[in-house]
Amino acid sequence: INVSFFQDKLPRSVGDVLKVIILLMQADFLGILIWYGFLYANIGMMSKSPAMGISMIIPYIAVPVGGIFSIFQVIVLIITGKSSSDFQEG
């Protein structure tokens, strides 16, 4: 969800810098999510699901893997100079 009301009121150059800052903050958050997601998944390696008998690393690994895909998307947005709201408008 992106509310870009104030960002649209800024001059274009300031808005572009703000977009990059926001994307870098998203990348920072996703990096933390990936790091702790892998730590948590390693803890899940030691336990098994009582119902299915599978290692709990399988469902827990979804968080860091999703973070990796998301950080890849943020990198693409930084390189192309777009923000996530540009895809919602068009």
C-alpha atoms as a PDB file:
ATOM      1  CA  ILE A   1       0.000   0.000   0.000  1.00  0.00           C
ATOM      2  CA  ASN A   2       1.473   3.306  -1.017  1.00  0.00           C
ATOM      3  CA  VAL A   3       0.013   6.706  -0.242  1.00  0.00           C
ATOM      4  CA  SER A   4       1.812   9.097  -2.543  1.00  0.00           C
ATOM      5  CA  PHE A   5      -0.176  12.292  -1.925  1.00  0.00           C
ATOM      6  CA  PHE A   6       2.707  14.242  -0.385  1.00  0.00           C
ATOM      7  CA  GLN A   7       5.246  12.667  -2.704  1.00  0.00           C
ATOM      8  CA  ASP A   8       3.254  13.880  -5.724  1.00  0.00           C
ATOM      9  CA  LYS A   9       3.252  17.442  -4.348  1.00  0.00           C
ATOM     10  CA  LEU A  10       7.060  17.562  -4.202  1.00  0.00           C
ATOM     11  CA  PRO A  11       9.235  18.675  -7.117  1.00  0.00           C
ATOM     12  CA  ARG A  12      10.162  15.844  -9.465  1.00  0.00           C
ATOM     13  CA  SER A  13      13.833  15.659  -8.420  1.00  0.00           C
ATOM     14  CA  VAL A  14      12.987  15.558  -4.706  1.00  0.00           C
ATOM     15  CA  GLY A  15      10.303  12.948  -5.358  1.00  0.00           C
ATOM     16  CA  ASP A  16      12.798  10.748  -7.215  1.00  0.00           C
ATOM     17  CA  VAL A  17      15.274  10.949  -4.333  1.00  0.00           C
ATOM     18  CA  LEU A  18      12.467  10.126  -1.913  1.00  0.00           C
ATOM     19  CA  LYS A  19      11.530   7.072  -4.007  1.00  0.00           C
ATOM     20  CA  VAL A  20      15.100   5.768  -3.823  1.00  0.00           C
ATOM     21  CA  ILE A  21      15.257   6.373  -0.063  1.00  0.00           C
ATOM     22  CA  ILE A  22      11.985   4.492   0.437  1.00  0.00           C
ATOM     23  CA  LEU A  23      13.201   1.586  -1.719  1.00  0.00           C
ATOM     24  CA  LEU A  24      16.483   1.431   0.235  1.00  0.00           C
ATOM     25  CA  MET A  25      14.523   1.323   3.485  1.00  0.00           C
ATOM     26  CA  GLN A  26      12.432  -1.525   2.054  1.00  0.00           C
ATOM     27  CA  ALA A  27      15.616  -3.370   1.061  1.00  0.00           C
ATOM     28  CA  ASP A  28      16.999  -2.890   4.573  1.00  0.00           C
ATOM     29  CA  PHE A  29      13.825  -4.316   6.129  1.00  0.00           C
ATOM     30  CA  LEU A  30      13.839  -7.244   3.717  1.00  0.00           C
ATOM     31  CA  GLY A  31      17.492  -7.950   4.505  1.00  0.00           C
ATOM     32  CA  ILE A  32      16.628  -8.181   8.201  1.00  0.00           C
ATOM     33  CA  LEU A  33      13.623 -10.382   7.358  1.00  0.00           C
ATOM     34  CA  ILE A  34      15.818 -12.720   5.298  1.00  0.00           C
ATOM     35  CA  TRP A  35      18.523 -12.922   7.968  1.00  0.00           C
ATOM     36  CA  TYR A  36      16.194 -13.723  10.841  1.00  0.00           C
ATOM     37  CA  GLY A  37      14.028 -15.912   8.612  1.00  0.00           C
ATOM     38  CA  PHE A  38      16.980 -18.198   7.956  1.00  0.00           C
ATOM     39  CA  LEU A  39      17.850 -18.254  11.657  1.00  0.00           C
ATOM     40  CA  TYR A  40      14.280 -19.195  12.514  1.00  0.00           C
ATOM     41  CA  ALA A  41      14.181 -21.818   9.753  1.00  0.00           C
ATOM     42  CA  ASN A  42      17.306 -23.434  11.181  1.00  0.00           C
ATOM     43  CA  ILE A  43      15.510 -23.789  14.503  1.00  0.00           C
ATOM     44  CA  GLY A  44      12.659 -25.478  12.648  1.00  0.00           C
ATOM     45  CA  MET A  45      15.092 -28.040  11.271  1.00  0.00           C
ATOM     46  CA  MET A  46      15.162 -29.682  14.694  1.00  0.00           C
ATOM     47  CA  SER A  47      11.392 -30.167  14.953  1.00  0.00           C
ATOM     48  CA  LYS A  48       8.864 -32.159  12.987  1.00  0.00           C
ATOM     49  CA  SER A  49       5.246 -31.512  12.186  1.00  0.00           C
ATOM     50  CA  PRO A  50       3.128 -33.779  14.381  1.00  0.00           C
ATOM     51  CA  ALA A  51       0.408 -34.193  11.753  1.00  0.00           C
ATOM     52  CA  MET A  52       2.456 -34.726   8.590  1.00  0.00           C
ATOM     53  CA  GLY A  53       5.806 -35.837   9.971  1.00  0.00           C
ATOM     54  CA  ILE A  54       7.828 -33.413   7.824  1.00  0.00           C
ATOM     55  CA  SER A  55      10.623 -31.205   9.063  1.00  0.00           C
ATOM     56  CA  MET A  56       9.352 -27.759  10.035  1.00  0.00           C
ATOM     57  CA  ILE A  57      12.127 -26.135   8.002  1.00  0.00           C
ATOM     58  CA  ILE A  58       9.951 -26.635   4.910  1.00  0.00           C
ATOM     59  CA  PRO A  59       7.170 -24.217   5.943  1.00  0.00           C
ATOM     60  CA  TYR A  60       9.555 -21.891   7.828  1.00  0.00           C
ATOM     61  CA  ILE A  61      11.845 -21.421   4.818  1.00  0.00           C
ATOM     62  CA  ALA A  62       8.996 -19.650   2.980  1.00  0.00           C
ATOM     63  CA  VAL A  63       9.699 -16.404   4.859  1.00  0.00           C
ATOM     64  CA  PRO A  64      13.341 -15.937   3.771  1.00  0.00           C
ATOM     65  CA  VAL A  65      12.646 -17.220   0.253  1.00  0.00           C
ATOM     66  CA  GLY A  66       9.807 -14.707  -0.118  1.00  0.00           C
ATOM     67  CA  GLY A  67      12.153 -12.028   1.228  1.00  0.00           C
ATOM     68  CA  ILE A  68      14.745 -12.916  -1.409  1.00  0.00           C
ATOM     69  CA  PHE A  69      12.169 -12.579  -4.192  1.00  0.00           C
ATOM     70  CA  SER A  70      10.980  -9.275  -2.726  1.00  0.00           C
ATOM     71  CA  ILE A  71      14.476  -7.817  -2.383  1.00  0.00           C
ATOM     72  CA  PHE A  72      15.138  -8.815  -6.005  1.00  0.00           C
ATOM     73  CA  GLN A  73      12.057  -6.808  -7.010  1.00  0.00           C
ATOM     74  CA  VAL A  74      13.262  -3.808  -4.972  1.00  0.00           C
ATOM     75  CA  ILE A  75      16.660  -3.977  -6.712  1.00  0.00           C
ATOM     76  CA  VAL A  76      14.910  -4.011 -10.104  1.00  0.00           C
ATOM     77  CA  LEU A  77      12.830  -0.987  -9.075  1.00  0.00           C
ATOM     78  CA  ILE A  78      15.951   0.912  -7.960  1.00  0.00           C
ATOM     79  CA  ILE A  79      17.762   0.129 -11.218  1.00  0.00           C
ATOM     80  CA  THR A  80      14.810   1.102 -13.413  1.00  0.00           C
ATOM     81  CA  GLY A  81      14.081   4.215 -11.343  1.00  0.00           C
ATOM     82  CA  LYS A  82      10.460   3.303 -10.696  1.00  0.00           C
ATOM     83  CA  SER A  83       8.517   2.873  -7.493  1.00  0.00           C
ATOM     84  CA  SER A  84       6.006   0.188  -6.612  1.00  0.00           C
ATOM     85  CA  SER A  85       3.162   2.675  -7.112  1.00  0.00           C
ATOM     86  CA  ASP A  86       4.150   3.124 -10.787  1.00  0.00           C
ATOM     87  CA  PHE A  87       2.935  -0.414 -11.486  1.00  0.00           C
ATOM     88  CA  GLN A  88      -0.410   0.200  -9.808  1.00  0.00           C
ATOM     89  CA  GLU A  89      -1.226   3.243 -11.933  1.00  0.00           C
ATOM     90  CA  GLY A  90      -0.707   1.705 -15.340  1.00  0.00           C
END
